[in-house]
């Protein structure tokens, strides 16, 4: 059987190619839990930032910010690659800003009780 060009003798080509740009496989292994936490953190941070601009949405901004901070913290604790940590920091900071502005506009329970 012919080996593909550039393959050392004795190693088969499995059709997998990993690029350095790929977030989930930057070390050649899959990390589904860490990648899920990074994605959730980025989404929660984006929601918190988008909703903190409106005073009437302070509950949504505050709670998504708080949950985003918690997922970012847990993701940082178990993260493996630098790309995961980068996304967790970006999402966590956005969530913290959303939480802060949401609290300034009325807080986590403002107007409910």
C-alpha atoms as a PDB file:
ATOM      1  CA  UNK A   1       0.000   0.000   0.000  1.00  0.00           C
ATOM      2  CA  UNK A   2       1.370   3.369  -0.975  1.00  0.00           C
ATOM      3  CA  UNK A   3       2.008   5.906   1.771  1.00  0.00           C
ATOM      4  CA  UNK A   4       0.943   9.536   1.241  1.00  0.00           C
ATOM      5  CA  UNK A   5       3.794  11.923   0.569  1.00  0.00           C
ATOM      6  CA  UNK A   6       5.293  13.238   3.779  1.00  0.00           C
ATOM      7  CA  UNK A   7       4.062  10.350   5.936  1.00  0.00           C
ATOM      8  CA  UNK A   8       6.727   8.422   7.830  1.00  0.00           C
ATOM      9  CA  UNK A   9       6.903   4.721   7.039  1.00  0.00           C
ATOM     10  CA  UNK A  10       4.545   2.706   9.234  1.00  0.00           C
ATOM     11  CA  UNK A  11       2.070   5.488   9.990  1.00  0.00           C
ATOM     12  CA  UNK A  12      -1.294   5.486   8.260  1.00  0.00           C
ATOM     13  CA  UNK A  13      -3.113   8.662   7.249  1.00  0.00           C
ATOM     14  CA  UNK A  14      -6.497   8.740   9.017  1.00  0.00           C
ATOM     15  CA  UNK A  15      -7.956  11.707   7.166  1.00  0.00           C
ATOM     16  CA  UNK A  16      -7.825  14.028  10.167  1.00  0.00           C
ATOM     17  CA  UNK A  17      -6.129  17.355   9.816  1.00  0.00           C
ATOM     18  CA  UNK A  18      -5.709  19.754  12.670  1.00  0.00           C
ATOM     19  CA  UNK A  19      -4.932  23.374  12.036  1.00  0.00           C
ATOM     20  CA  UNK A  20      -3.542  25.826  14.546  1.00  0.00           C
ATOM     21  CA  UNK A  21      -6.609  28.048  14.047  1.00  0.00           C
ATOM     22  CA  UNK A  22      -9.054  25.395  15.268  1.00  0.00           C
ATOM     23  CA  UNK A  23     -10.178  26.288  18.796  1.00  0.00           C
ATOM     24  CA  UNK A  24     -11.353  22.871  19.855  1.00  0.00           C
ATOM     25  CA  UNK A  25      -8.347  20.922  18.591  1.00  0.00           C
ATOM     26  CA  UNK A  26      -5.353  23.171  19.092  1.00  0.00           C
ATOM     27  CA  UNK A  27      -3.543  20.419  20.978  1.00  0.00           C
ATOM     28  CA  UNK A  28      -4.776  17.602  18.755  1.00  0.00           C
ATOM     29  CA  UNK A  29      -7.405  16.323  21.180  1.00  0.00           C
ATOM     30  CA  UNK A  30     -11.098  17.096  21.585  1.00  0.00           C
ATOM     31  CA  UNK A  31     -12.296  18.813  24.773  1.00  0.00           C
ATOM     32  CA  UNK A  32     -16.101  18.841  24.517  1.00  0.00           C
ATOM     33  CA  UNK A  33     -16.828  20.010  28.072  1.00  0.00           C
ATOM     34  CA  UNK A  34     -14.283  22.826  27.988  1.00  0.00           C
ATOM     35  CA  UNK A  35     -15.426  23.969  24.531  1.00  0.00           C
ATOM     36  CA  UNK A  36     -19.074  23.916  25.620  1.00  0.00           C
ATOM     37  CA  UNK A  37     -18.289  26.052  28.664  1.00  0.00           C
ATOM     38  CA  UNK A  38     -16.346  28.508  26.510  1.00  0.00           C
ATOM     39  CA  UNK A  39     -19.209  28.787  24.016  1.00  0.00           C
ATOM     40  CA  UNK A  40     -21.824  29.199  26.758  1.00  0.00           C
ATOM     41  CA  UNK A  41     -19.710  31.874  28.440  1.00  0.00           C
ATOM     42  CA  UNK A  42     -19.321  33.839  25.203  1.00  0.00           C
ATOM     43  CA  UNK A  43     -23.077  33.649  24.496  1.00  0.00           C
ATOM     44  CA  UNK A  44     -23.993  34.701  28.048  1.00  0.00           C
ATOM     45  CA  UNK A  45     -21.486  37.547  27.916  1.00  0.00           C
ATOM     46  CA  UNK A  46     -22.924  38.759  24.612  1.00  0.00           C
ATOM     47  CA  UNK A  47     -26.476  38.635  25.994  1.00  0.00           C
ATOM     48  CA  UNK A  48     -25.438  40.463  29.160  1.00  0.00           C
ATOM     49  CA  UNK A  49     -23.669  43.209  27.190  1.00  0.00           C
ATOM     50  CA  UNK A  50     -26.532  43.589  24.709  1.00  0.00           C
ATOM     51  CA  UNK A  51     -29.248  43.785  27.368  1.00  0.00           C
ATOM     52  CA  UNK A  52     -27.425  45.962  29.896  1.00  0.00           C
ATOM     53  CA  UNK A  53     -27.920  48.968  27.628  1.00  0.00           C
ATOM     54  CA  UNK A  54     -31.663  48.971  28.339  1.00  0.00           C
ATOM     55  CA  UNK A  55     -32.877  49.808  31.852  1.00  0.00           C
ATOM     56  CA  UNK A  56     -35.959  47.622  31.532  1.00  0.00           C
ATOM     57  CA  UNK A  57     -33.821  44.528  30.879  1.00  0.00           C
ATOM     58  CA  UNK A  58     -31.684  44.832  34.012  1.00  0.00           C
ATOM     59  CA  UNK A  59     -32.925  41.477  35.345  1.00  0.00           C
ATOM     60  CA  UNK A  60     -31.856  39.647  32.198  1.00  0.00           C
ATOM     61  CA  UNK A  61     -28.529  41.490  32.071  1.00  0.00           C
ATOM     62  CA  UNK A  62     -27.801  40.839  35.746  1.00  0.00           C
ATOM     63  CA  UNK A  63     -28.665  37.152  35.775  1.00  0.00           C
ATOM     64  CA  UNK A  64     -26.968  36.298  32.484  1.00  0.00           C
ATOM     65  CA  UNK A  65     -23.925  38.239  33.674  1.00  0.00           C
ATOM     66  CA  UNK A  66     -23.810  36.329  36.950  1.00  0.00           C
ATOM     67  CA  UNK A  67     -24.210  32.928  35.291  1.00  0.00           C
ATOM     68  CA  UNK A  68     -21.641  33.954  32.651  1.00  0.00           C
ATOM     69  CA  UNK A  69     -19.102  34.807  35.339  1.00  0.00           C
ATOM     70  CA  UNK A  70     -19.674  31.463  37.061  1.00  0.00           C
ATOM     71  CA  UNK A  71     -19.297  29.478  33.816  1.00  0.00           C
ATOM     72  CA  UNK A  72     -16.167  31.469  32.947  1.00  0.00           C
ATOM     73  CA  UNK A  73     -14.664  30.701  36.349  1.00  0.00           C
ATOM     74  CA  UNK A  74     -15.414  26.989  36.088  1.00  0.00           C
ATOM     75  CA  UNK A  75     -14.179  26.914  32.491  1.00  0.00           C
ATOM     76  CA  UNK A  76     -10.909  28.577  33.495  1.00  0.00           C
ATOM     77  CA  UNK A  77     -10.478  25.996  36.236  1.00  0.00           C
ATOM     78  CA  UNK A  78     -10.778  23.044  33.850  1.00  0.00           C
ATOM     79  CA  UNK A  79      -9.520  24.594  30.576  1.00  0.00           C
ATOM     80  CA  UNK A  80      -6.719  22.866  28.709  1.00  0.00           C
ATOM     81  CA  UNK A  81      -5.738  25.085  25.781  1.00  0.00           C
ATOM     82  CA  UNK A  82      -4.903  28.753  25.417  1.00  0.00           C
ATOM     83  CA  UNK A  83      -7.684  29.234  22.864  1.00  0.00           C
ATOM     84  CA  UNK A  84     -10.267  28.055  25.386  1.00  0.00           C
ATOM     85  CA  UNK A  85      -8.865  30.406  28.002  1.00  0.00           C
ATOM     86  CA  UNK A  86      -8.952  33.300  25.525  1.00  0.00           C
ATOM     87  CA  UNK A  87     -12.655  32.771  24.812  1.00  0.00           C
ATOM     88  CA  UNK A  88     -13.409  32.323  28.514  1.00  0.00           C
ATOM     89  CA  UNK A  89     -11.720  35.610  29.417  1.00  0.00           C
ATOM     90  CA  UNK A  90     -13.505  37.526  26.636  1.00  0.00           C
ATOM     91  CA  UNK A  91     -16.900  36.090  27.595  1.00  0.00           C
ATOM     92  CA  UNK A  92     -16.262  36.450  31.329  1.00  0.00           C
ATOM     93  CA  UNK A  93     -15.295  40.104  31.074  1.00  0.00           C
ATOM     94  CA  UNK A  94     -18.356  40.825  28.922  1.00  0.00           C
ATOM     95  CA  UNK A  95     -20.545  39.019  31.464  1.00  0.00           C
ATOM     96  CA  UNK A  96     -18.985  40.993  34.332  1.00  0.00           C
ATOM     97  CA  UNK A  97     -19.581  44.307  32.563  1.00  0.00           C
ATOM     98  CA  UNK A  98     -23.178  43.291  31.843  1.00  0.00           C
ATOM     99  CA  UNK A  99     -23.663  42.267  35.469  1.00  0.00           C
ATOM    100  CA  UNK A 100     -22.229  45.526  36.756  1.00  0.00           C
ATOM    101  CA  UNK A 101     -24.353  47.737  34.537  1.00  0.00           C
ATOM    102  CA  UNK A 102     -27.399  45.545  35.169  1.00  0.00           C
ATOM    103  CA  UNK A 103     -26.937  45.964  38.922  1.00  0.00           C
ATOM    104  CA  UNK A 104     -26.554  49.730  38.440  1.00  0.00           C
ATOM    105  CA  UNK A 105     -29.864  49.778  36.568  1.00  0.00           C
ATOM    106  CA  UNK A 106     -31.815  47.849  39.185  1.00  0.00           C
ATOM    107  CA  UNK A 107     -29.997  44.726  40.254  1.00  0.00           C
ATOM    108  CA  UNK A 108     -30.704  41.025  40.343  1.00  0.00           C
ATOM    109  CA  UNK A 109     -34.047  41.375  42.125  1.00  0.00           C
ATOM    110  CA  UNK A 110     -34.845  45.050  41.567  1.00  0.00           C
ATOM    111  CA  UNK A 111     -38.576  45.576  41.124  1.00  0.00           C
ATOM    112  CA  UNK A 112     -39.484  41.946  41.759  1.00  0.00           C
ATOM    113  CA  UNK A 113     -39.872  42.260  45.534  1.00  0.00           C
END
